[in-house]
Amino acid sequence: MSILMGLDVESFSLQLFYLAGILIAFFACFLILGKPHKRSADYFLSVWFSLIGIHLICFLFIFSNTYIEFPHFLGLEIPLPLVHGPMLYLYIRCLTGNFPKRKTWLLHFVPMLIIYIFLTNFFLMSSHEKIAIYQHNGGTYKILRTIISLIILMSGILYIILSTLEIKKYQRQISNIFSNTEKINLNWGYYLIIGISTIWIAVIIKSEILIFSLVVLFVVLAAYFGISKVGILNPDLLTKKDEENLNTDNDLEHPKYRKNFAGDEMIQRIYKKLDFLMNDQKIYKDPELNLNHIAKLLDVHANVLSQTINSVENKNFYDYINRYRIEEFKRLVILPENQKFTILTLAFECGFNSKTSFNRNFKKFTGCSPREFLKDQKIIS
């Protein structure tokens, strides 16, 4: 209760806001740990929420001047901003199934540990000396604090870039394996990146109240997506070939392909069989269709099939299959006997599994929306 005493209304309101953020962070941590089917990403996110909660507690001690009563905690908060960039990046790596080895991911936290080492002399000071330094805006540690601030800023920018590139890489990979990616595309990861980015902008502005207010809002955002979306790509549903392909960019520019190119004759032979499956058996109507399933039907390696599609059609697997689905929809929708069905019903019949995916692909391949197409065909007015 000492935290909330002796404050004006504005300070009191802000502290309640920070306390709410702390409670949300730890509550979200417990909610995730209480999930029945937890995966590594769940555990990783719960640890991150705990660290965010600890960071908010440290800030609340300073903001409320409670640090005078607990001076031994001073300094612990200084390197903590360096943990959030790596946690975002590693969390996304965990979601994409591309988590680095232990010795590698631990390196991301070395800068934070080095700063703690540089602050050793400060931690050994008496309580009165620590309080005096904080009350004089850093005292003899001003230069070190400036250097640390620059390191924190560079870390934020670096991990925002790395996290964005990781999602883009993942999206390329799943487009080479799956024909429907709506539920596993990890687009919501960009919201987390945007959230962290706004916090780093506040760091540049040097407004601590704004920084930690944004952190509280970020906790709410991350909690929502982390609890409702985490584990979107179920590893249990992947075959070993899926996992191999998910860790490889399946295109002709990849060194593995340049070295193991199947040859034009084999590619043409495989493509002829593939063309039969698509046009005669219409296997693209299966919404769960993936690269490895077709490779098994053709009795070829998935990488060779991917080479075939890329070299002949100049498309990834996702675009190749969905182009067939769009053409099938265009054929079905103009038939008189299908006028009684809705657009979405016919889209699902063609192999799509969501309205969003259908509309996006239709616009991509035709340049217009489904309704605009129907108006051009004079099917609807």
Protein backbone atom coordinates (compact mmCIF):
# COMPACT_ATOMS: atom_id res chain seq x y z
CA MET A 1 0.00 0.00 0.00
CA SER A 2 2.96 2.36 0.47
CA ILE A 3 3.22 2.55 -3.31
CA LEU A 4 -0.20 4.20 -3.55
CA MET A 5 0.16 6.71 -0.68
CA GLY A 6 1.15 10.36 -0.86
CA LEU A 7 0.35 10.78 -4.56
CA ASP A 8 -1.69 13.24 -6.59
CA VAL A 9 -4.65 12.00 -8.61
CA GLU A 10 -2.68 11.73 -11.89
CA SER A 11 0.16 9.74 -10.34
CA PHE A 12 -2.32 7.55 -8.51
CA SER A 13 -4.17 6.79 -11.77
CA LEU A 14 -0.94 5.95 -13.57
CA GLN A 15 0.16 3.61 -10.82
CA LEU A 16 -3.17 1.80 -10.94
CA PHE A 17 -2.60 1.48 -14.68
CA TYR A 18 0.84 -0.06 -14.15
CA LEU A 19 -0.48 -2.36 -11.43
CA ALA A 20 -3.14 -3.51 -13.87
CA GLY A 21 -0.42 -4.23 -16.44
CA ILE A 22 1.55 -6.24 -13.87
CA LEU A 23 -1.53 -8.27 -12.93
CA ILE A 24 -2.40 -8.86 -16.59
CA ALA A 25 1.16 -10.00 -17.36
CA PHE A 26 1.23 -12.58 -14.56
CA PHE A 27 -2.39 -13.59 -15.06
CA ALA A 28 -1.75 -14.21 -18.75
CA CYS A 29 1.31 -16.24 -17.77
CA PHE A 30 -0.83 -18.50 -15.55
CA LEU A 31 -3.55 -18.78 -18.21
CA ILE A 32 -1.05 -20.02 -20.76
CA LEU A 33 0.49 -22.48 -18.31
CA GLY A 34 -3.02 -23.74 -17.62
CA LYS A 35 -3.68 -24.66 -21.25
CA PRO A 36 -4.31 -28.41 -21.68
CA HIS A 37 -2.04 -28.94 -24.70
CA LYS A 38 0.97 -26.72 -24.20
CA ARG A 39 3.86 -26.50 -26.64
CA SER A 40 7.28 -24.92 -26.40
CA ALA A 41 5.94 -21.58 -27.68
CA ASP A 42 3.45 -21.49 -24.79
CA TYR A 43 6.19 -21.96 -22.20
CA PHE A 44 8.36 -19.38 -23.92
CA LEU A 45 5.56 -16.80 -23.95
CA SER A 46 4.77 -17.41 -20.28
CA VAL A 47 8.42 -16.72 -19.38
CA TRP A 48 8.32 -13.53 -21.45
CA PHE A 49 5.17 -12.34 -19.67
CA SER A 50 6.87 -13.00 -16.33
CA LEU A 51 9.85 -10.87 -17.39
CA ILE A 52 7.53 -8.09 -18.55
CA GLY A 53 5.76 -8.23 -15.18
CA ILE A 54 9.09 -8.01 -13.32
CA HIS A 55 10.14 -5.08 -15.52
CA LEU A 56 6.90 -3.23 -14.76
CA ILE A 57 7.36 -3.86 -11.03
CA CYS A 58 10.86 -2.35 -11.18
CA PHE A 59 9.54 0.69 -13.02
CA LEU A 60 6.66 1.10 -10.54
CA PHE A 61 9.12 1.11 -7.63
CA ILE A 62 11.02 3.99 -9.24
CA PHE A 63 7.98 5.92 -10.50
CA SER A 64 6.34 5.82 -7.06
CA ASN A 65 9.62 6.61 -5.22
CA THR A 66 9.23 3.33 -3.36
CA TYR A 67 12.83 2.54 -4.29
CA ILE A 68 13.82 4.61 -1.24
CA GLU A 69 12.37 1.83 0.89
CA PHE A 70 13.88 -0.94 -1.28
CA PRO A 71 17.19 0.47 -2.58
CA HIS A 72 18.74 -2.98 -2.97
CA PHE A 73 16.57 -3.48 -6.08
CA LEU A 74 17.95 -0.39 -7.82
CA GLY A 75 19.80 -1.05 -11.07
CA LEU A 76 18.12 -4.36 -11.77
CA GLU A 77 15.80 -2.67 -14.28
CA ILE A 78 18.53 -0.99 -16.36
CA PRO A 79 19.47 -3.91 -18.69
CA LEU A 80 15.94 -5.42 -18.77
CA PRO A 81 14.88 -3.65 -22.01
CA LEU A 82 17.53 -5.76 -23.75
CA VAL A 83 15.54 -8.91 -23.03
CA HIS A 84 12.37 -8.01 -24.94
CA GLY A 85 13.77 -7.82 -28.47
CA PRO A 86 15.38 -11.27 -28.24
CA MET A 87 12.25 -12.69 -26.57
CA LEU A 88 10.05 -11.45 -29.44
CA TYR A 89 12.44 -12.86 -32.03
CA LEU A 90 12.89 -16.21 -30.30
CA TYR A 91 9.15 -16.50 -29.65
CA ILE A 92 8.48 -16.09 -33.37
CA ARG A 93 11.23 -18.61 -34.15
CA CYS A 94 9.51 -20.95 -31.72
CA LEU A 95 6.13 -20.48 -33.42
CA THR A 96 7.61 -21.18 -36.85
CA GLY A 97 9.25 -24.39 -35.67
CA ASN A 98 12.68 -22.96 -36.35
CA PHE A 99 13.95 -22.43 -32.81
CA PRO A 100 17.76 -22.27 -32.64
CA LYS A 101 19.90 -24.61 -30.57
CA ARG A 102 20.38 -23.75 -26.90
CA LYS A 103 23.96 -22.51 -27.27
CA THR A 104 22.84 -20.22 -30.08
CA TRP A 105 19.74 -18.67 -28.49
CA LEU A 106 21.56 -17.97 -25.23
CA LEU A 107 23.91 -15.66 -27.15
CA HIS A 108 21.02 -13.23 -27.66
CA PHE A 109 21.08 -12.43 -23.94
CA VAL A 110 24.86 -11.85 -23.68
CA PRO A 111 24.56 -8.02 -24.03
CA MET A 112 22.21 -7.93 -21.03
CA LEU A 113 24.60 -10.05 -18.96
CA ILE A 114 27.57 -7.86 -19.93
CA ILE A 115 25.74 -4.74 -18.74
CA TYR A 116 24.93 -6.41 -15.43
CA ILE A 117 28.66 -7.12 -15.08
CA PHE A 118 29.49 -3.46 -15.80
CA LEU A 119 27.02 -2.47 -13.07
CA THR A 120 28.68 -4.70 -10.45
CA ASN A 121 30.29 -1.74 -8.65
CA PHE A 122 26.91 -0.03 -8.47
CA PHE A 123 25.27 -3.12 -6.96
CA LEU A 124 28.00 -3.23 -4.27
CA MET A 125 27.34 0.36 -3.18
CA SER A 126 25.50 1.22 0.02
CA SER A 127 21.79 2.01 -0.06
CA HIS A 128 22.44 5.73 0.50
CA GLU A 129 24.89 5.90 -2.42
CA LYS A 130 22.46 4.15 -4.77
CA ILE A 131 19.61 6.47 -3.80
CA ALA A 132 21.83 9.53 -4.25
CA ILE A 133 22.79 8.43 -7.78
CA TYR A 134 19.14 7.97 -8.76
CA GLN A 135 18.15 11.30 -7.24
CA HIS A 136 20.89 13.06 -9.24
CA ASN A 137 19.86 11.55 -12.57
CA GLY A 138 22.66 9.02 -12.79
CA GLY A 139 25.51 10.89 -11.18
CA THR A 140 28.82 9.40 -12.27
CA TYR A 141 26.95 6.76 -14.29
CA LYS A 142 25.51 9.24 -16.82
CA ILE A 143 27.91 8.28 -19.59
CA LEU A 144 27.32 4.56 -18.99
CA ARG A 145 23.55 5.10 -18.99
CA THR A 146 23.85 6.95 -22.32
CA ILE A 147 25.84 4.09 -23.83
CA ILE A 148 23.34 1.56 -22.48
CA SER A 149 20.45 3.58 -23.96
CA LEU A 150 22.12 3.49 -27.39
CA ILE A 151 22.66 -0.27 -27.09
CA ILE A 152 19.00 -0.74 -26.12
CA LEU A 153 17.88 1.34 -29.11
CA MET A 154 20.07 -0.60 -31.56
CA SER A 155 18.88 -3.88 -30.05
CA GLY A 156 15.26 -2.86 -30.56
CA ILE A 157 15.78 -1.95 -34.21
CA LEU A 158 17.81 -5.12 -34.88
CA TYR A 159 15.24 -7.51 -33.42
CA ILE A 160 12.31 -5.80 -35.10
CA ILE A 161 14.06 -6.38 -38.44
CA LEU A 162 15.01 -9.97 -37.56
CA SER A 163 11.47 -10.80 -36.39
CA THR A 164 9.92 -9.36 -39.56
CA LEU A 165 12.33 -11.30 -41.77
CA GLU A 166 11.59 -14.50 -39.83
CA ILE A 167 7.85 -14.21 -40.44
CA LYS A 168 8.38 -13.46 -44.14
CA LYS A 169 10.70 -16.46 -44.44
CA TYR A 170 8.14 -18.69 -42.72
CA GLN A 171 5.36 -17.48 -45.02
CA ARG A 172 7.46 -18.32 -48.08
CA GLN A 173 8.11 -21.76 -46.69
CA ILE A 174 4.49 -22.65 -45.95
CA SER A 175 3.50 -21.38 -49.42
CA ASN A 176 5.75 -24.07 -50.83
CA ILE A 177 4.04 -26.81 -48.83
CA PHE A 178 0.39 -25.97 -48.12
CA SER A 179 -2.47 -24.98 -50.42
CA ASN A 180 -4.37 -23.22 -47.64
CA THR A 181 -2.33 -21.08 -45.23
CA GLU A 182 -4.99 -18.84 -43.73
CA LYS A 183 -4.87 -20.47 -40.28
CA ILE A 184 -1.09 -20.84 -40.15
CA ASN A 185 0.27 -17.74 -41.92
CA LEU A 186 1.32 -16.01 -38.67
CA ASN A 187 0.12 -12.61 -39.92
CA TRP A 188 -0.87 -11.74 -36.37
CA GLY A 189 2.83 -11.79 -35.51
CA TYR A 190 3.11 -8.45 -37.28
CA TYR A 191 0.84 -6.93 -34.62
CA LEU A 192 3.37 -7.93 -31.97
CA ILE A 193 6.18 -6.43 -34.04
CA ILE A 194 4.22 -3.19 -34.50
CA GLY A 195 3.54 -3.13 -30.76
CA ILE A 196 7.22 -3.51 -29.90
CA SER A 197 8.10 -0.90 -32.56
CA THR A 198 5.86 1.72 -30.96
CA ILE A 199 7.57 1.06 -27.63
CA TRP A 200 10.99 1.64 -29.20
CA ILE A 201 9.71 4.88 -30.74
CA ALA A 202 8.72 5.94 -27.23
CA VAL A 203 12.26 5.01 -26.13
CA ILE A 204 13.64 7.39 -28.77
CA ILE A 205 11.29 10.13 -27.52
CA LYS A 206 12.57 9.35 -24.00
CA SER A 207 9.17 9.42 -22.33
CA GLU A 208 9.22 6.79 -19.61
CA ILE A 209 5.52 7.17 -18.81
CA LEU A 210 4.67 6.68 -22.51
CA ILE A 211 7.06 3.73 -22.74
CA PHE A 212 5.55 1.80 -19.88
CA SER A 213 1.99 2.76 -20.80
CA LEU A 214 2.63 1.22 -24.21
CA VAL A 215 4.18 -1.82 -22.51
CA VAL A 216 0.95 -2.37 -20.58
CA LEU A 217 -1.08 -2.14 -23.80
CA PHE A 218 1.38 -4.49 -25.48
CA VAL A 219 0.88 -7.04 -22.70
CA VAL A 220 -2.86 -7.03 -23.41
CA LEU A 221 -2.24 -7.43 -27.16
CA ALA A 222 0.34 -10.20 -26.72
CA ALA A 223 -1.85 -11.98 -24.17
CA TYR A 224 -4.80 -12.03 -26.56
CA PHE A 225 -2.84 -13.38 -29.52
CA GLY A 226 -0.63 -15.62 -27.43
CA ILE A 227 -3.55 -17.36 -25.75
CA SER A 228 -5.87 -17.54 -28.77
CA LYS A 229 -3.36 -18.08 -31.58
CA VAL A 230 -0.25 -19.78 -30.18
CA GLY A 231 0.46 -23.19 -31.65
CA ILE A 232 -1.33 -22.40 -34.92
CA LEU A 233 0.87 -24.83 -36.83
CA ASN A 234 0.39 -28.11 -35.01
CA PRO A 235 3.68 -30.06 -35.21
CA ASP A 236 1.74 -33.28 -34.69
CA LEU A 237 0.10 -32.81 -38.09
CA LEU A 238 3.41 -32.48 -39.91
CA THR A 239 5.18 -35.39 -41.52
CA LYS A 240 8.97 -35.55 -41.48
CA LYS A 241 8.94 -34.34 -45.08
CA ASP A 242 6.79 -31.35 -44.08
CA GLU A 243 9.31 -30.44 -41.39
CA GLU A 244 12.20 -30.81 -43.83
CA ASN A 245 10.51 -28.56 -46.36
CA LEU A 246 9.49 -26.06 -43.70
CA ASN A 247 13.17 -25.54 -42.92
CA THR A 248 14.08 -25.04 -46.59
CA ASP A 249 13.19 -22.40 -49.14
CA ASN A 250 11.98 -24.65 -51.95
CA ASP A 251 12.92 -22.68 -55.03
CA LEU A 252 15.37 -23.10 -57.87
CA GLU A 253 17.69 -20.48 -56.42
CA HIS A 254 18.29 -22.54 -53.30
CA PRO A 255 21.81 -24.10 -53.27
CA LYS A 256 20.28 -27.52 -52.54
CA TYR A 257 18.25 -27.32 -55.75
CA ARG A 258 21.10 -26.04 -57.89
CA LYS A 259 23.15 -29.02 -56.75
CA ASN A 260 20.38 -31.61 -57.02
CA PHE A 261 18.39 -30.37 -60.01
CA ALA A 262 16.20 -33.23 -61.25
CA GLY A 263 16.78 -32.57 -64.94
CA ASP A 264 14.43 -31.26 -67.64
CA GLU A 265 13.36 -34.69 -68.85
CA MET A 266 12.30 -35.89 -65.40
CA ILE A 267 10.59 -32.60 -64.63
CA GLN A 268 8.51 -32.77 -67.82
CA ARG A 269 7.54 -36.36 -67.04
CA ILE A 270 6.46 -35.46 -63.51
CA TYR A 271 4.60 -32.39 -64.72
CA LYS A 272 2.59 -34.48 -67.18
CA LYS A 273 1.45 -36.76 -64.34
CA LEU A 274 0.75 -33.77 -62.14
CA ASP A 275 -1.32 -32.16 -64.89
CA PHE A 276 -3.43 -35.31 -65.07
CA LEU A 277 -4.10 -35.27 -61.31
CA MET A 278 -5.11 -31.62 -61.45
CA ASN A 279 -7.29 -31.60 -64.57
CA ASP A 280 -8.79 -35.09 -64.53
CA GLN A 281 -9.00 -35.94 -60.83
CA LYS A 282 -9.21 -32.32 -59.61
CA ILE A 283 -7.32 -33.05 -56.42
CA TYR A 284 -7.06 -29.31 -55.76
CA LYS A 285 -10.61 -29.50 -54.34
CA ASP A 286 -9.17 -31.05 -51.19
CA PRO A 287 -8.78 -28.09 -48.75
CA GLU A 288 -6.09 -30.00 -46.82
CA LEU A 289 -4.01 -30.68 -49.93
CA ASN A 290 -0.26 -30.24 -49.44
CA LEU A 291 2.93 -30.79 -51.35
CA ASN A 292 3.85 -34.06 -49.67
CA HIS A 293 0.46 -35.62 -50.34
CA ILE A 294 0.80 -35.01 -54.08
CA ALA A 295 4.43 -36.15 -54.02
CA LYS A 296 3.27 -39.42 -52.49
CA LEU A 297 0.62 -39.86 -55.18
CA LEU A 298 3.25 -39.30 -57.86
CA ASP A 299 5.86 -41.39 -56.04
CA VAL A 300 8.46 -38.60 -56.19
CA HIS A 301 10.38 -36.65 -53.58
CA ALA A 302 8.61 -33.48 -52.40
CA ASN A 303 11.61 -31.33 -53.32
CA VAL A 304 11.56 -32.68 -56.89
CA LEU A 305 7.84 -31.92 -57.15
CA SER A 306 8.48 -28.40 -55.87
CA GLN A 307 11.23 -27.99 -58.51
CA THR A 308 8.75 -29.13 -61.16
CA ILE A 309 6.09 -26.59 -60.18
CA ASN A 310 8.59 -23.76 -59.81
CA SER A 311 10.36 -24.40 -63.11
CA VAL A 312 7.33 -25.09 -65.33
CA GLU A 313 4.71 -22.83 -63.77
CA ASN A 314 7.05 -20.28 -62.17
CA LYS A 315 4.82 -20.38 -59.09
CA ASN A 316 5.06 -21.68 -55.57
CA PHE A 317 2.80 -24.55 -54.50
CA TYR A 318 0.23 -22.26 -52.88
CA ASP A 319 -0.28 -20.11 -55.99
CA TYR A 320 -0.25 -23.12 -58.29
CA ILE A 321 -3.08 -24.90 -56.47
CA ASN A 322 -5.18 -21.81 -55.83
CA ARG A 323 -5.02 -20.75 -59.45
CA TYR A 324 -6.77 -24.04 -60.30
CA ARG A 325 -9.34 -23.39 -57.58
CA ILE A 326 -10.11 -19.93 -58.96
CA GLU A 327 -10.50 -21.28 -62.50
CA GLU A 328 -12.81 -24.01 -61.20
CA PHE A 329 -14.90 -21.43 -59.38
CA LYS A 330 -15.18 -19.33 -62.54
CA ARG A 331 -16.38 -22.44 -64.40
CA LEU A 332 -18.91 -23.49 -61.76
CA VAL A 333 -20.39 -20.09 -60.95
CA ILE A 334 -21.67 -19.44 -64.49
CA LEU A 335 -23.53 -22.76 -64.72
CA PRO A 336 -27.32 -22.25 -64.45
CA GLU A 337 -27.75 -25.15 -62.03
CA ASN A 338 -25.38 -23.46 -59.57
CA GLN A 339 -27.28 -20.16 -59.35
CA LYS A 340 -29.02 -21.39 -56.20
CA PHE A 341 -25.69 -21.67 -54.33
CA THR A 342 -23.90 -18.81 -52.59
CA ILE A 343 -20.48 -17.58 -53.69
CA LEU A 344 -18.89 -18.95 -50.52
CA THR A 345 -20.49 -22.38 -50.97
CA LEU A 346 -18.98 -22.68 -54.44
CA ALA A 347 -15.64 -21.38 -53.17
CA PHE A 348 -15.56 -24.11 -50.53
CA GLU A 349 -16.53 -26.65 -53.19
CA CYS A 350 -13.43 -25.60 -55.13
CA GLY A 351 -11.10 -26.22 -52.18
CA PHE A 352 -10.91 -22.94 -50.28
CA ASN A 353 -11.40 -23.06 -46.52
CA SER A 354 -12.09 -19.39 -45.74
CA LYS A 355 -13.79 -16.39 -47.29
CA THR A 356 -10.69 -14.24 -46.75
CA SER A 357 -8.42 -16.65 -48.61
CA PHE A 358 -10.88 -16.97 -51.48
CA ASN A 359 -11.37 -13.21 -51.92
CA ARG A 360 -7.65 -12.51 -51.73
CA ASN A 361 -6.74 -15.16 -54.29
CA PHE A 362 -9.60 -14.22 -56.63
CA LYS A 363 -8.44 -10.61 -56.65
CA LYS A 364 -4.85 -11.73 -57.14
CA PHE A 365 -5.53 -13.91 -60.19
CA THR A 366 -8.36 -11.99 -61.86
CA GLY A 367 -7.77 -8.40 -60.83
CA CYS A 368 -11.34 -8.00 -59.57
CA SER A 369 -13.56 -9.15 -56.72
CA PRO A 370 -15.91 -12.17 -57.09
CA ARG A 371 -18.96 -9.89 -57.19
CA GLU A 372 -17.39 -7.68 -59.85
CA PHE A 373 -16.72 -10.81 -61.91
CA LEU A 374 -20.33 -11.96 -61.54
CA LYS A 375 -21.57 -8.53 -62.61
CA ASP A 376 -19.36 -8.67 -65.71
CA GLN A 377 -20.82 -12.09 -66.48
CA LYS A 378 -24.31 -10.62 -65.95
CA ILE A 379 -25.02 -13.27 -63.31
CA ILE A 380 -25.94 -10.64 -60.71
CA SER A 381 -27.00 -7.04 -61.19
